Structures are given as C-alpha cells and as structure tokens.
N, C-alpha and C. Protein backbone atom coordinates (compact mmCIF):
# COMPACT_ATOMS: atom_id res chain seq x y z
N UNK A 1 4.75 2.16 30.99
CA UNK A 1 3.48 1.47 31.11
C UNK A 1 3.50 0.28 30.15
N UNK A 2 3.12 -0.88 30.65
CA UNK A 2 3.10 -2.08 29.82
C UNK A 2 1.88 -2.06 28.89
N UNK A 3 1.91 -2.94 27.90
CA UNK A 3 0.79 -3.06 26.97
C UNK A 3 -0.49 -3.40 27.74
N UNK A 4 -0.39 -4.31 28.69
CA UNK A 4 -1.57 -4.70 29.48
C UNK A 4 -2.10 -3.53 30.29
N UNK A 5 -1.22 -2.71 30.83
CA UNK A 5 -1.66 -1.53 31.58
C UNK A 5 -2.36 -0.53 30.67
N UNK A 6 -1.86 -0.40 29.45
CA UNK A 6 -2.50 0.49 28.48
C UNK A 6 -3.88 -0.04 28.11
N UNK A 7 -3.97 -1.35 27.87
CA UNK A 7 -5.28 -1.94 27.57
C UNK A 7 -6.25 -1.70 28.71
N UNK A 8 -5.76 -1.85 29.94
CA UNK A 8 -6.62 -1.65 31.11
C UNK A 8 -7.11 -0.21 31.20
N UNK A 9 -6.24 0.75 30.89
CA UNK A 9 -6.63 2.16 30.92
C UNK A 9 -7.72 2.44 29.89
N UNK A 10 -7.57 1.88 28.69
CA UNK A 10 -8.58 2.05 27.65
C UNK A 10 -9.87 1.34 28.05
N UNK A 11 -9.75 0.13 28.58
CA UNK A 11 -10.92 -0.64 29.03
C UNK A 11 -11.75 0.18 30.03
N UNK A 12 -11.08 0.75 31.00
CA UNK A 12 -11.79 1.52 32.02
C UNK A 12 -12.50 2.73 31.42
N UNK A 13 -11.84 3.41 30.51
CA UNK A 13 -12.46 4.59 29.92
C UNK A 13 -13.64 4.22 29.02
N UNK A 14 -13.49 3.15 28.24
CA UNK A 14 -14.61 2.74 27.40
C UNK A 14 -15.81 2.34 28.25
N UNK A 15 -15.54 1.66 29.34
CA UNK A 15 -16.63 1.20 30.19
C UNK A 15 -17.27 2.35 30.97
N UNK A 16 -16.46 3.24 31.50
CA UNK A 16 -17.00 4.32 32.34
C UNK A 16 -17.52 5.52 31.55
N UNK A 17 -16.82 5.89 30.49
CA UNK A 17 -17.15 7.13 29.78
C UNK A 17 -17.90 6.91 28.47
N UNK A 18 -17.63 5.82 27.79
CA UNK A 18 -18.23 5.58 26.47
C UNK A 18 -19.50 4.75 26.63
N UNK A 19 -19.40 3.50 27.01
CA UNK A 19 -20.48 2.58 27.39
C UNK A 19 -21.79 2.74 26.61
N UNK A 20 -21.78 2.49 25.30
CA UNK A 20 -23.00 2.71 24.51
C UNK A 20 -24.17 1.79 24.85
N UNK A 21 -23.90 0.66 25.49
CA UNK A 21 -25.02 -0.23 25.83
C UNK A 21 -25.37 -0.21 27.32
N UNK A 22 -24.69 0.63 28.09
CA UNK A 22 -25.06 0.84 29.48
C UNK A 22 -24.80 -0.32 30.42
N UNK A 23 -23.59 -0.90 30.35
CA UNK A 23 -23.28 -2.05 31.21
C UNK A 23 -22.25 -1.73 32.29
N UNK A 24 -21.90 -0.46 32.46
CA UNK A 24 -20.82 -0.11 33.39
C UNK A 24 -21.02 -0.63 34.81
N UNK A 25 -22.26 -0.76 35.24
CA UNK A 25 -22.54 -1.20 36.61
C UNK A 25 -22.84 -2.69 36.72
N UNK A 26 -22.66 -3.42 35.64
CA UNK A 26 -22.91 -4.86 35.63
C UNK A 26 -21.59 -5.61 35.84
N UNK A 27 -21.38 -6.21 37.01
CA UNK A 27 -20.11 -6.90 37.28
C UNK A 27 -19.75 -7.96 36.23
N UNK A 28 -20.72 -8.66 35.70
CA UNK A 28 -20.44 -9.72 34.73
C UNK A 28 -20.10 -9.18 33.35
N UNK A 29 -20.26 -7.88 33.13
CA UNK A 29 -20.03 -7.30 31.80
C UNK A 29 -18.82 -6.38 31.75
N UNK A 30 -17.93 -6.50 32.69
CA UNK A 30 -16.78 -5.60 32.74
C UNK A 30 -15.83 -5.79 31.56
N UNK A 31 -15.95 -6.90 30.85
CA UNK A 31 -15.11 -7.15 29.68
C UNK A 31 -15.89 -6.97 28.37
N UNK A 32 -17.04 -6.33 28.44
CA UNK A 32 -17.95 -6.22 27.30
C UNK A 32 -17.30 -5.61 26.07
N UNK A 33 -16.41 -4.64 26.25
CA UNK A 33 -15.81 -3.94 25.11
C UNK A 33 -14.38 -4.39 24.80
N UNK A 34 -13.95 -5.47 25.42
CA UNK A 34 -12.57 -5.93 25.24
C UNK A 34 -12.21 -6.24 23.79
N UNK A 35 -13.16 -6.68 23.00
CA UNK A 35 -12.86 -7.00 21.59
C UNK A 35 -12.41 -5.77 20.81
N UNK A 36 -12.76 -4.59 21.28
CA UNK A 36 -12.43 -3.35 20.58
C UNK A 36 -11.15 -2.70 21.10
N UNK A 37 -10.61 -3.19 22.19
CA UNK A 37 -9.44 -2.56 22.81
C UNK A 37 -8.22 -2.48 21.90
N UNK A 38 -7.82 -3.56 21.22
CA UNK A 38 -6.61 -3.47 20.39
C UNK A 38 -6.71 -2.40 19.30
N UNK A 39 -7.85 -2.30 18.64
CA UNK A 39 -8.01 -1.31 17.57
C UNK A 39 -7.94 0.11 18.12
N UNK A 40 -8.61 0.35 19.23
CA UNK A 40 -8.59 1.69 19.82
C UNK A 40 -7.20 2.02 20.33
N UNK A 41 -6.56 1.09 21.02
CA UNK A 41 -5.21 1.35 21.52
C UNK A 41 -4.24 1.61 20.39
N UNK A 42 -4.37 0.87 19.30
CA UNK A 42 -3.49 1.10 18.15
C UNK A 42 -3.62 2.55 17.66
N UNK A 43 -4.83 3.04 17.53
CA UNK A 43 -5.02 4.42 17.08
C UNK A 43 -4.36 5.41 18.04
N UNK A 44 -4.45 5.12 19.33
CA UNK A 44 -3.84 6.01 20.31
C UNK A 44 -2.32 5.97 20.22
N UNK A 45 -1.78 4.78 20.01
CA UNK A 45 -0.33 4.64 19.96
C UNK A 45 0.29 5.27 18.71
N UNK A 46 -0.47 5.34 17.63
CA UNK A 46 0.06 5.97 16.41
C UNK A 46 -0.33 7.45 16.34
N UNK A 47 -0.88 7.95 17.43
CA UNK A 47 -1.26 9.36 17.54
C UNK A 47 -2.26 9.78 16.47
N UNK A 48 -3.24 8.94 16.26
CA UNK A 48 -4.30 9.28 15.30
C UNK A 48 -5.01 10.54 15.78
N UNK A 49 -5.51 11.33 14.84
CA UNK A 49 -6.24 12.54 15.24
C UNK A 49 -7.55 12.19 15.96
N UNK A 50 -8.02 13.11 16.75
CA UNK A 50 -9.24 12.89 17.53
C UNK A 50 -10.41 12.47 16.64
N UNK A 51 -10.51 13.04 15.45
CA UNK A 51 -11.61 12.68 14.55
C UNK A 51 -11.56 11.20 14.16
N UNK A 52 -10.36 10.68 13.97
CA UNK A 52 -10.21 9.27 13.58
C UNK A 52 -10.57 8.34 14.73
N UNK A 53 -10.15 8.69 15.93
CA UNK A 53 -10.50 7.89 17.10
C UNK A 53 -12.01 7.94 17.34
N UNK A 54 -12.59 9.12 17.21
CA UNK A 54 -14.04 9.26 17.38
C UNK A 54 -14.78 8.45 16.33
N UNK A 55 -14.31 8.47 15.09
CA UNK A 55 -14.95 7.72 14.01
C UNK A 55 -14.89 6.22 14.32
N UNK A 56 -13.78 5.76 14.87
CA UNK A 56 -13.66 4.35 15.26
C UNK A 56 -14.73 3.99 16.28
N UNK A 57 -14.90 4.82 17.29
CA UNK A 57 -15.92 4.57 18.31
C UNK A 57 -17.32 4.60 17.71
N UNK A 58 -17.56 5.54 16.83
CA UNK A 58 -18.87 5.64 16.17
C UNK A 58 -19.13 4.41 15.30
N UNK A 59 -18.10 3.97 14.57
CA UNK A 59 -18.25 2.77 13.73
C UNK A 59 -18.54 1.53 14.57
N UNK A 60 -17.88 1.42 15.70
CA UNK A 60 -18.15 0.29 16.59
C UNK A 60 -19.61 0.33 17.03
N UNK A 61 -20.06 1.51 17.43
CA UNK A 61 -21.43 1.67 17.91
C UNK A 61 -22.45 1.34 16.83
N UNK A 62 -22.24 1.86 15.63
CA UNK A 62 -23.25 1.71 14.58
C UNK A 62 -23.09 0.42 13.78
N UNK A 63 -21.87 0.12 13.36
CA UNK A 63 -21.65 -1.03 12.48
C UNK A 63 -21.55 -2.35 13.24
N UNK A 64 -20.86 -2.34 14.36
CA UNK A 64 -20.66 -3.58 15.12
C UNK A 64 -21.85 -3.89 16.03
N UNK A 65 -22.38 -2.84 16.68
CA UNK A 65 -23.44 -3.04 17.67
C UNK A 65 -24.83 -2.78 17.11
N UNK A 66 -24.91 -2.10 15.98
CA UNK A 66 -26.20 -1.80 15.38
C UNK A 66 -27.01 -0.75 16.14
N UNK A 67 -26.32 0.11 16.87
CA UNK A 67 -26.99 1.15 17.65
C UNK A 67 -26.90 2.49 16.93
N UNK A 68 -27.68 3.44 17.39
CA UNK A 68 -27.59 4.80 16.87
C UNK A 68 -26.31 5.44 17.39
N UNK A 69 -25.73 6.31 16.58
CA UNK A 69 -24.49 6.95 17.00
C UNK A 69 -24.78 8.16 17.90
N UNK A 70 -23.80 8.46 18.71
CA UNK A 70 -23.81 9.65 19.55
C UNK A 70 -22.45 10.31 19.33
N UNK A 71 -22.34 11.02 18.21
CA UNK A 71 -21.05 11.55 17.80
C UNK A 71 -20.43 12.48 18.83
N UNK A 72 -21.24 13.25 19.54
CA UNK A 72 -20.69 14.15 20.55
C UNK A 72 -20.00 13.36 21.66
N UNK A 73 -20.65 12.29 22.10
CA UNK A 73 -20.05 11.43 23.13
C UNK A 73 -18.77 10.79 22.61
N UNK A 74 -18.81 10.28 21.39
CA UNK A 74 -17.65 9.60 20.82
C UNK A 74 -16.47 10.55 20.69
N UNK A 75 -16.73 11.77 20.28
CA UNK A 75 -15.65 12.76 20.14
C UNK A 75 -15.08 13.13 21.52
N UNK A 76 -15.94 13.31 22.50
CA UNK A 76 -15.48 13.65 23.85
C UNK A 76 -14.64 12.52 24.44
N UNK A 77 -15.08 11.29 24.26
CA UNK A 77 -14.32 10.14 24.77
C UNK A 77 -13.01 10.01 24.01
N UNK A 78 -13.02 10.23 22.71
CA UNK A 78 -11.79 10.17 21.92
C UNK A 78 -10.78 11.18 22.44
N UNK A 79 -11.22 12.37 22.75
CA UNK A 79 -10.32 13.40 23.28
C UNK A 79 -9.75 12.97 24.63
N UNK A 80 -10.58 12.38 25.49
CA UNK A 80 -10.10 11.92 26.79
C UNK A 80 -9.12 10.75 26.64
N UNK A 81 -9.40 9.86 25.69
CA UNK A 81 -8.48 8.75 25.43
C UNK A 81 -7.12 9.27 24.97
N UNK A 82 -7.13 10.22 24.05
CA UNK A 82 -5.87 10.79 23.56
C UNK A 82 -5.12 11.50 24.68
N UNK A 83 -5.84 12.08 25.62
CA UNK A 83 -5.21 12.77 26.74
C UNK A 83 -4.46 11.81 27.67
N UNK A 84 -4.77 10.52 27.57
CA UNK A 84 -4.03 9.53 28.38
C UNK A 84 -2.58 9.41 27.94
N UNK A 85 -2.29 9.85 26.73
CA UNK A 85 -0.93 9.81 26.16
C UNK A 85 -0.35 8.40 26.17
N UNK A 86 -1.12 7.45 25.65
CA UNK A 86 -0.68 6.07 25.60
C UNK A 86 0.28 5.80 24.46
N UNK A 87 0.64 6.85 23.72
CA UNK A 87 1.63 6.70 22.66
C UNK A 87 3.04 6.67 23.24
N UNK A 88 3.16 6.97 24.51
CA UNK A 88 4.48 6.96 25.16
C UNK A 88 4.82 5.55 25.61
N UNK A 89 6.10 5.30 25.72
CA UNK A 89 6.57 3.97 26.14
C UNK A 89 6.20 3.67 27.58
C-alpha cells in the first residue's frame, strides 16, 4: 500500500467514524480533517498503543477544534484505525 493509499484509508475512517464536527455528508468538506492525517498515520505506522492514538484524536478535538471530547468515540476509532494495520509496507 502506498503512502497516499494509507492517507486515504485514514481520511475515510476519520470522516466516516470519527467526524467530530459532523461533515461526513457534506461534499465540499471531504478534506476537512486532512491537516491531521500525517500525525495520525505516523502513530499508526510506529505502532503506537491505542491509548496514544485515542489521545491524539481527543487532543485534536479539544485543543485544535475547541470542542468537547468524546473519549469513548476516540478510543473506538483509534482501535479501528490500528486494525487497518497501516504499519505494514
């Protein structure tokens, strides 16, 4: 899987499963979370623990977006992201 394919897999999951601002059905907002893709993908590629990936998502939600956190959602999405096994070549 190429780097771009990995980014696309993370993009889709963030938009469909995480989506803290609710833009998944907005065609013009399909790239809304692209700024966060490299950081999330890096954590997946270095096999960060689920808690670290979840904390990254929570920090994005609270610190970057200024929204309330939903730790249960972030942990569930982190587990699904890790299940993609993007640490493989």
